[in-house]
């Protein structure tokens, strides 16, 4: 799975988002439905000066034909897909979904935040396809 095992890329930005999630969990508590957490993230991001867009639309394309759309919860800092969840645990299936979301958006990193329990669970996912495309387009970075 393309989880960011080393925690090096986008550490400052994802750390700021996770800090917001901790504040929200400490204030609202755990186990609500997902929408209040998503909305609270927007509020907390605004208070901390973190740019975000709530529920932007992205086309899903199959063989050059638009077949649907993907609507992420949030895009923070202009390049991080943020997914607020209330699930038993973050599984490989959820990590795989996030990787697909990153492919659709072209964004380099995703963050899954799970507010189900009293202890925040979160996972960062890196889009290595985005990195490879960036290197092909800018070979001087190699």
N, C-alpha and C. Protein backbone atom coordinates (compact mmCIF):
# COMPACT_ATOMS: atom_id res chain seq x y z
N UNK A 1 0.85 -1.17 0.00
CA UNK A 1 0.00 0.00 0.00
C UNK A 1 0.90 1.23 0.00
N UNK A 2 0.43 2.31 -0.59
CA UNK A 2 1.22 3.51 -0.70
C UNK A 2 1.02 4.45 0.48
N UNK A 3 1.13 3.93 1.68
CA UNK A 3 1.12 4.78 2.87
C UNK A 3 2.48 5.43 2.97
N UNK A 4 2.52 6.59 3.58
CA UNK A 4 3.78 7.31 3.74
C UNK A 4 4.48 6.78 4.99
N UNK A 5 5.25 5.73 4.81
CA UNK A 5 5.88 5.04 5.94
C UNK A 5 6.92 5.90 6.66
N UNK A 6 7.58 6.79 5.94
CA UNK A 6 8.68 7.55 6.53
C UNK A 6 8.22 8.85 7.16
N UNK A 7 7.02 9.31 6.83
CA UNK A 7 6.50 10.52 7.43
C UNK A 7 7.27 11.76 7.07
N UNK A 8 7.93 11.80 5.92
CA UNK A 8 8.76 12.93 5.57
C UNK A 8 8.06 13.94 4.67
N UNK A 9 7.35 13.49 3.66
CA UNK A 9 6.70 14.42 2.73
C UNK A 9 5.42 14.96 3.35
N UNK A 10 5.25 16.26 3.24
CA UNK A 10 4.02 16.94 3.67
C UNK A 10 3.77 16.82 5.17
N UNK A 11 4.83 16.64 5.92
CA UNK A 11 4.70 16.44 7.37
C UNK A 11 4.11 17.67 8.07
N UNK A 12 4.55 18.86 7.68
CA UNK A 12 4.06 20.08 8.32
C UNK A 12 2.56 20.25 8.06
N UNK A 13 2.17 20.10 6.81
CA UNK A 13 0.76 20.30 6.44
C UNK A 13 -0.14 19.24 7.06
N UNK A 14 0.24 17.97 6.95
CA UNK A 14 -0.60 16.92 7.53
C UNK A 14 -0.62 17.03 9.05
N UNK A 15 0.49 17.43 9.64
CA UNK A 15 0.52 17.64 11.09
C UNK A 15 -0.45 18.71 11.54
N UNK A 16 -0.55 19.79 10.77
CA UNK A 16 -1.49 20.86 11.08
C UNK A 16 -2.93 20.37 10.99
N UNK A 17 -3.22 19.54 9.99
CA UNK A 17 -4.57 19.00 9.83
C UNK A 17 -4.90 18.05 10.98
N UNK A 18 -3.98 17.18 11.34
CA UNK A 18 -4.19 16.24 12.44
C UNK A 18 -4.40 17.00 13.75
N UNK A 19 -3.66 18.08 13.94
CA UNK A 19 -3.83 18.91 15.13
C UNK A 19 -5.26 19.47 15.20
N UNK A 20 -5.78 19.89 14.07
CA UNK A 20 -7.17 20.36 14.01
C UNK A 20 -8.14 19.24 14.39
N UNK A 21 -7.87 18.04 13.87
CA UNK A 21 -8.74 16.90 14.15
C UNK A 21 -8.74 16.57 15.65
N UNK A 22 -7.57 16.65 16.29
CA UNK A 22 -7.51 16.42 17.74
C UNK A 22 -8.36 17.45 18.49
N UNK A 23 -8.27 18.70 18.08
CA UNK A 23 -9.05 19.76 18.72
C UNK A 23 -10.54 19.48 18.58
N UNK A 24 -10.95 19.06 17.40
CA UNK A 24 -12.36 18.77 17.13
C UNK A 24 -12.83 17.58 17.96
N UNK A 25 -12.03 16.52 17.99
CA UNK A 25 -12.39 15.33 18.77
C UNK A 25 -12.50 15.68 20.26
N UNK A 26 -11.57 16.50 20.76
CA UNK A 26 -11.61 16.90 22.17
C UNK A 26 -12.81 17.78 22.48
N UNK A 27 -13.28 18.54 21.49
CA UNK A 27 -14.39 19.46 21.71
C UNK A 27 -15.75 18.80 21.49
N UNK A 28 -15.91 18.11 20.35
CA UNK A 28 -17.19 17.49 20.02
C UNK A 28 -17.37 16.10 20.63
N UNK A 29 -16.27 15.42 20.88
CA UNK A 29 -16.36 14.03 21.29
C UNK A 29 -16.36 13.13 20.06
N UNK A 30 -16.49 11.84 20.30
CA UNK A 30 -16.39 10.87 19.20
C UNK A 30 -17.74 10.24 18.88
N UNK A 31 -17.81 9.62 17.69
CA UNK A 31 -18.93 8.78 17.34
C UNK A 31 -20.13 9.46 16.69
N UNK A 32 -20.06 10.75 16.41
CA UNK A 32 -21.15 11.39 15.67
C UNK A 32 -21.12 10.90 14.23
N UNK A 33 -22.07 11.32 13.42
CA UNK A 33 -21.99 11.03 11.99
C UNK A 33 -20.88 11.89 11.39
N UNK A 34 -20.49 11.60 10.16
CA UNK A 34 -19.30 12.23 9.57
C UNK A 34 -19.45 13.73 9.30
N UNK A 35 -20.62 14.20 8.90
CA UNK A 35 -20.78 15.58 8.44
C UNK A 35 -20.38 16.62 9.48
N UNK A 36 -20.75 16.48 10.77
CA UNK A 36 -20.30 17.49 11.74
C UNK A 36 -18.77 17.57 11.84
N UNK A 37 -18.08 16.46 11.67
CA UNK A 37 -16.62 16.49 11.72
C UNK A 37 -16.05 17.21 10.49
N UNK A 38 -16.63 16.91 9.32
CA UNK A 38 -16.21 17.60 8.09
C UNK A 38 -16.41 19.11 8.23
N UNK A 39 -17.59 19.50 8.67
CA UNK A 39 -17.89 20.93 8.83
C UNK A 39 -17.00 21.57 9.89
N UNK A 40 -16.74 20.85 10.97
CA UNK A 40 -15.87 21.37 12.02
C UNK A 40 -14.44 21.55 11.52
N UNK A 41 -14.00 20.64 10.66
CA UNK A 41 -12.67 20.80 10.06
C UNK A 41 -12.60 22.11 9.27
N UNK A 42 -13.65 22.42 8.52
CA UNK A 42 -13.68 23.69 7.78
C UNK A 42 -13.57 24.88 8.74
N UNK A 43 -14.30 24.83 9.83
CA UNK A 43 -14.26 25.92 10.81
C UNK A 43 -12.86 26.03 11.41
N UNK A 44 -12.31 24.91 11.85
CA UNK A 44 -11.00 24.92 12.50
C UNK A 44 -9.90 25.34 11.52
N UNK A 45 -9.99 24.86 10.28
CA UNK A 45 -9.02 25.29 9.27
C UNK A 45 -9.07 26.80 9.10
N UNK A 46 -10.27 27.35 9.04
CA UNK A 46 -10.42 28.79 8.90
C UNK A 46 -9.81 29.55 10.06
N UNK A 47 -10.03 29.05 11.28
CA UNK A 47 -9.47 29.70 12.47
C UNK A 47 -7.94 29.67 12.46
N UNK A 48 -7.37 28.65 11.86
CA UNK A 48 -5.91 28.50 11.84
C UNK A 48 -5.28 28.97 10.53
N UNK A 49 -6.08 29.52 9.65
CA UNK A 49 -5.54 30.04 8.40
C UNK A 49 -5.12 28.97 7.40
N UNK A 50 -5.72 27.79 7.50
CA UNK A 50 -5.42 26.70 6.57
C UNK A 50 -6.42 26.80 5.42
N UNK A 51 -5.94 27.01 4.21
CA UNK A 51 -6.89 27.10 3.09
C UNK A 51 -7.54 25.75 2.82
N UNK A 52 -8.85 25.78 2.55
CA UNK A 52 -9.54 24.53 2.21
C UNK A 52 -10.74 24.82 1.34
N UNK A 53 -11.11 23.81 0.59
CA UNK A 53 -12.31 23.83 -0.24
C UNK A 53 -13.13 22.62 0.17
N UNK A 54 -14.40 22.85 0.46
CA UNK A 54 -15.28 21.75 0.87
C UNK A 54 -16.03 21.21 -0.34
N UNK A 55 -15.97 19.92 -0.53
CA UNK A 55 -16.69 19.15 -1.53
C UNK A 55 -16.56 19.68 -2.97
N UNK A 56 -15.32 19.88 -3.44
CA UNK A 56 -15.15 20.21 -4.86
C UNK A 56 -15.47 18.98 -5.71
N UNK A 57 -15.73 19.19 -6.95
CA UNK A 57 -16.10 18.08 -7.85
C UNK A 57 -14.94 17.77 -8.81
N UNK A 58 -14.72 16.46 -9.00
CA UNK A 58 -13.70 15.98 -9.93
C UNK A 58 -14.33 14.95 -10.85
N UNK A 59 -14.07 15.08 -12.14
CA UNK A 59 -14.59 14.11 -13.09
C UNK A 59 -13.87 12.77 -12.93
N UNK A 60 -14.63 11.69 -13.05
CA UNK A 60 -14.07 10.34 -13.14
C UNK A 60 -14.14 9.98 -14.62
N UNK A 61 -12.96 9.67 -15.19
CA UNK A 61 -12.86 9.44 -16.63
C UNK A 61 -12.38 8.02 -16.89
N UNK A 62 -13.07 7.35 -17.79
CA UNK A 62 -12.69 6.01 -18.23
C UNK A 62 -12.50 6.05 -19.74
N UNK A 63 -11.29 5.75 -20.19
CA UNK A 63 -10.96 5.74 -21.62
C UNK A 63 -11.45 7.01 -22.32
N UNK A 64 -11.09 8.14 -21.69
CA UNK A 64 -11.40 9.47 -22.21
C UNK A 64 -12.89 9.82 -22.22
N UNK A 65 -13.70 9.07 -21.47
CA UNK A 65 -15.13 9.36 -21.36
C UNK A 65 -15.45 9.62 -19.89
N UNK A 66 -16.13 10.74 -19.63
CA UNK A 66 -16.55 11.05 -18.26
C UNK A 66 -17.65 10.08 -17.87
N UNK A 67 -17.41 9.32 -16.80
CA UNK A 67 -18.37 8.29 -16.37
C UNK A 67 -18.98 8.60 -15.00
N UNK A 68 -18.54 9.68 -14.39
CA UNK A 68 -19.07 10.03 -13.08
C UNK A 68 -18.25 11.15 -12.48
N UNK A 69 -18.44 11.31 -11.17
CA UNK A 69 -17.65 12.31 -10.47
C UNK A 69 -17.32 11.83 -9.07
N UNK A 70 -16.22 12.38 -8.57
CA UNK A 70 -15.79 12.12 -7.20
C UNK A 70 -15.85 13.45 -6.46
N UNK A 71 -16.44 13.44 -5.28
CA UNK A 71 -16.57 14.65 -4.47
C UNK A 71 -15.92 14.38 -3.12
N UNK A 72 -14.68 14.84 -2.95
CA UNK A 72 -14.00 14.64 -1.66
C UNK A 72 -14.61 15.52 -0.58
N UNK A 73 -14.42 15.12 0.68
CA UNK A 73 -14.89 15.96 1.78
C UNK A 73 -14.23 17.34 1.69
N UNK A 74 -12.89 17.33 1.71
CA UNK A 74 -12.14 18.59 1.74
C UNK A 74 -10.84 18.46 0.95
N UNK A 75 -10.40 19.58 0.41
CA UNK A 75 -9.05 19.71 -0.12
C UNK A 75 -8.39 20.81 0.71
N UNK A 76 -7.36 20.47 1.45
CA UNK A 76 -6.66 21.43 2.30
C UNK A 76 -5.32 21.79 1.67
N UNK A 77 -4.90 23.01 1.90
CA UNK A 77 -3.64 23.53 1.37
C UNK A 77 -3.57 23.46 -0.15
N UNK A 78 -4.69 23.18 -0.80
CA UNK A 78 -4.73 23.10 -2.25
C UNK A 78 -4.25 21.79 -2.84
N UNK A 79 -3.79 20.84 -1.97
CA UNK A 79 -3.26 19.59 -2.52
C UNK A 79 -3.42 18.37 -1.62
N UNK A 80 -4.09 18.49 -0.50
CA UNK A 80 -4.28 17.35 0.40
C UNK A 80 -5.77 16.98 0.43
N UNK A 81 -6.08 15.76 0.02
CA UNK A 81 -7.45 15.25 0.09
C UNK A 81 -7.68 14.79 1.53
N UNK A 82 -8.68 15.38 2.19
CA UNK A 82 -8.99 15.05 3.58
C UNK A 82 -10.33 14.33 3.62
N UNK A 83 -10.34 13.15 4.23
CA UNK A 83 -11.54 12.33 4.30
C UNK A 83 -11.88 12.09 5.77
N UNK A 84 -12.99 12.69 6.23
CA UNK A 84 -13.45 12.50 7.61
C UNK A 84 -14.30 11.24 7.66
N UNK A 85 -13.96 10.34 8.57
CA UNK A 85 -14.66 9.05 8.68
C UNK A 85 -15.13 8.81 10.11
N UNK A 86 -16.17 7.99 10.24
CA UNK A 86 -16.61 7.43 11.51
C UNK A 86 -16.82 5.95 11.23
N UNK A 87 -15.72 5.20 11.30
CA UNK A 87 -15.71 3.77 10.97
C UNK A 87 -14.99 3.01 12.08
N UNK A 88 -15.16 1.70 12.11
CA UNK A 88 -14.52 0.91 13.17
C UNK A 88 -13.01 1.08 13.17
N UNK A 89 -12.40 1.02 11.98
CA UNK A 89 -10.96 1.25 11.86
C UNK A 89 -10.63 1.54 10.40
N UNK A 90 -9.49 2.14 10.17
CA UNK A 90 -9.04 2.42 8.81
C UNK A 90 -8.40 1.15 8.27
N UNK A 91 -9.01 0.59 7.24
CA UNK A 91 -8.56 -0.68 6.67
C UNK A 91 -7.76 -0.45 5.39
N UNK A 92 -7.16 -1.54 4.90
CA UNK A 92 -6.48 -1.47 3.60
C UNK A 92 -7.44 -1.05 2.50
N UNK A 93 -8.70 -1.46 2.63
CA UNK A 93 -9.71 -1.05 1.65
C UNK A 93 -9.85 0.47 1.61
N UNK A 94 -9.92 1.11 2.77
CA UNK A 94 -10.03 2.57 2.84
C UNK A 94 -8.76 3.23 2.32
N UNK A 95 -7.61 2.65 2.60
CA UNK A 95 -6.36 3.20 2.06
C UNK A 95 -6.34 3.10 0.54
N UNK A 96 -6.83 1.98 0.01
CA UNK A 96 -6.91 1.80 -1.43
C UNK A 96 -7.88 2.79 -2.07
N UNK A 97 -9.00 3.04 -1.40
CA UNK A 97 -9.94 4.04 -1.90
C UNK A 97 -9.27 5.40 -1.98
N UNK A 98 -8.54 5.76 -0.93
CA UNK A 98 -7.87 7.06 -0.92
C UNK A 98 -6.86 7.16 -2.05
N UNK A 99 -6.15 6.08 -2.31
CA UNK A 99 -5.19 6.09 -3.42
C UNK A 99 -5.93 6.35 -4.74
N UNK A 100 -7.09 5.75 -4.92
CA UNK A 100 -7.89 6.02 -6.12
C UNK A 100 -8.35 7.48 -6.16
N UNK A 101 -8.73 8.03 -5.02
CA UNK A 101 -9.13 9.43 -4.96
C UNK A 101 -7.96 10.34 -5.38
N UNK A 102 -6.76 9.97 -4.95
CA UNK A 102 -5.59 10.76 -5.31
C UNK A 102 -5.30 10.68 -6.81
N UNK A 103 -5.51 9.50 -7.38
CA UNK A 103 -5.34 9.37 -8.83
C UNK A 103 -6.33 10.24 -9.57
N UNK A 104 -7.58 10.27 -9.11
CA UNK A 104 -8.62 11.07 -9.76
C UNK A 104 -8.31 12.56 -9.66
N UNK A 105 -7.92 13.01 -8.47
CA UNK A 105 -7.68 14.44 -8.27
C UNK A 105 -6.32 14.89 -8.78
N UNK A 106 -5.36 13.95 -8.85
CA UNK A 106 -4.00 14.31 -9.21
C UNK A 106 -3.23 14.90 -8.05
N UNK A 107 -3.82 14.91 -6.86
CA UNK A 107 -3.16 15.48 -5.69
C UNK A 107 -2.15 14.48 -5.11
N UNK A 108 -1.10 14.98 -4.46
CA UNK A 108 -0.03 14.11 -4.02
C UNK A 108 -0.24 13.40 -2.68
N UNK A 109 -1.17 13.87 -1.87
CA UNK A 109 -1.31 13.28 -0.53
C UNK A 109 -2.76 13.30 -0.08
N UNK A 110 -3.12 12.26 0.67
CA UNK A 110 -4.45 12.17 1.26
C UNK A 110 -4.34 11.88 2.74
N UNK A 111 -5.34 12.28 3.48
CA UNK A 111 -5.34 12.06 4.92
C UNK A 111 -6.73 11.56 5.32
N UNK A 112 -6.76 10.37 5.92
CA UNK A 112 -8.01 9.80 6.43
C UNK A 112 -8.03 10.04 7.93
N UNK A 113 -9.09 10.66 8.41
CA UNK A 113 -9.25 10.96 9.84
C UNK A 113 -10.46 10.20 10.35
N UNK A 114 -10.28 9.34 11.34
CA UNK A 114 -11.36 8.52 11.88
C UNK A 114 -11.76 9.01 13.27
N UNK A 115 -12.98 9.52 13.38
CA UNK A 115 -13.50 10.09 14.62
C UNK A 115 -14.40 9.12 15.39
N UNK A 116 -14.34 7.84 15.09
CA UNK A 116 -15.25 6.85 15.70
C UNK A 116 -15.02 6.70 17.20
N UNK A 117 -13.77 6.64 17.62
CA UNK A 117 -13.43 6.35 19.02
C UNK A 117 -12.88 7.59 19.72
N UNK A 118 -12.67 7.47 20.99
CA UNK A 118 -12.14 8.56 21.79
C UNK A 118 -10.71 8.92 21.44
N UNK A 119 -10.03 8.02 20.77
CA UNK A 119 -8.65 8.27 20.33
C UNK A 119 -8.65 8.41 18.81
N UNK A 120 -8.19 9.54 18.30
CA UNK A 120 -8.19 9.78 16.87
C UNK A 120 -7.30 8.76 16.16
N UNK A 121 -7.83 8.19 15.08
CA UNK A 121 -7.04 7.33 14.20
C UNK A 121 -6.88 8.09 12.89
N UNK A 122 -5.66 8.11 12.36
CA UNK A 122 -5.43 8.81 11.10
C UNK A 122 -4.35 8.09 10.30
N UNK A 123 -4.48 8.21 8.99
CA UNK A 123 -3.49 7.62 8.07
C UNK A 123 -3.23 8.61 6.94
N UNK A 124 -1.98 8.72 6.58
CA UNK A 124 -1.56 9.54 5.46
C UNK A 124 -1.25 8.61 4.30
N UNK A 125 -1.71 8.98 3.11
CA UNK A 125 -1.48 8.18 1.90
C UNK A 125 -0.81 9.08 0.87
N UNK A 126 0.27 8.59 0.30
CA UNK A 126 1.01 9.35 -0.71
C UNK A 126 0.71 8.79 -2.09
N UNK A 127 0.47 9.67 -3.04
CA UNK A 127 0.21 9.31 -4.42
C UNK A 127 1.54 9.23 -5.16
N UNK A 128 2.11 8.03 -5.22
CA UNK A 128 3.40 7.86 -5.89
C UNK A 128 3.27 8.03 -7.40
N UNK A 129 2.05 7.89 -7.93
CA UNK A 129 1.83 8.13 -9.35
C UNK A 129 2.04 9.61 -9.66
N UNK A 130 1.64 10.47 -8.74
CA UNK A 130 1.83 11.91 -8.90
C UNK A 130 3.32 12.24 -8.88
N UNK A 131 4.07 11.59 -7.99
CA UNK A 131 5.52 11.81 -7.92
C UNK A 131 6.20 11.40 -9.22
N UNK A 132 5.81 10.24 -9.75
CA UNK A 132 6.42 9.75 -10.99
C UNK A 132 6.11 10.70 -12.14
N UNK A 133 4.87 11.20 -12.20
CA UNK A 133 4.49 12.14 -13.26
C UNK A 133 5.30 13.42 -13.13
N UNK A 134 5.49 13.90 -11.88
CA UNK A 134 6.27 15.12 -11.65
C UNK A 134 7.71 14.93 -12.11
N UNK A 135 8.28 13.76 -11.83
CA UNK A 135 9.66 13.50 -12.25
C UNK A 135 9.78 13.42 -13.77
N UNK A 136 8.78 12.84 -14.42
CA UNK A 136 8.80 12.77 -15.88
C UNK A 136 8.72 14.16 -16.49
N UNK A 137 7.93 15.03 -15.85
CA UNK A 137 7.75 16.37 -16.37
C UNK A 137 8.94 17.29 -16.00
N UNK A 138 9.64 16.99 -14.92
CA UNK A 138 10.77 17.79 -14.44
C UNK A 138 11.95 16.86 -14.13
N UNK A 139 12.62 16.35 -15.14
CA UNK A 139 13.69 15.36 -14.91
C UNK A 139 14.87 15.92 -14.10
N UNK A 140 15.00 17.25 -14.00
CA UNK A 140 16.09 17.81 -13.20
C UNK A 140 15.92 17.52 -11.71
N UNK A 141 14.74 17.08 -11.28
CA UNK A 141 14.50 16.75 -9.87
C UNK A 141 15.02 15.37 -9.52
N UNK A 142 15.42 14.59 -10.51
CA UNK A 142 15.87 13.22 -10.25
C UNK A 142 17.21 13.19 -9.56
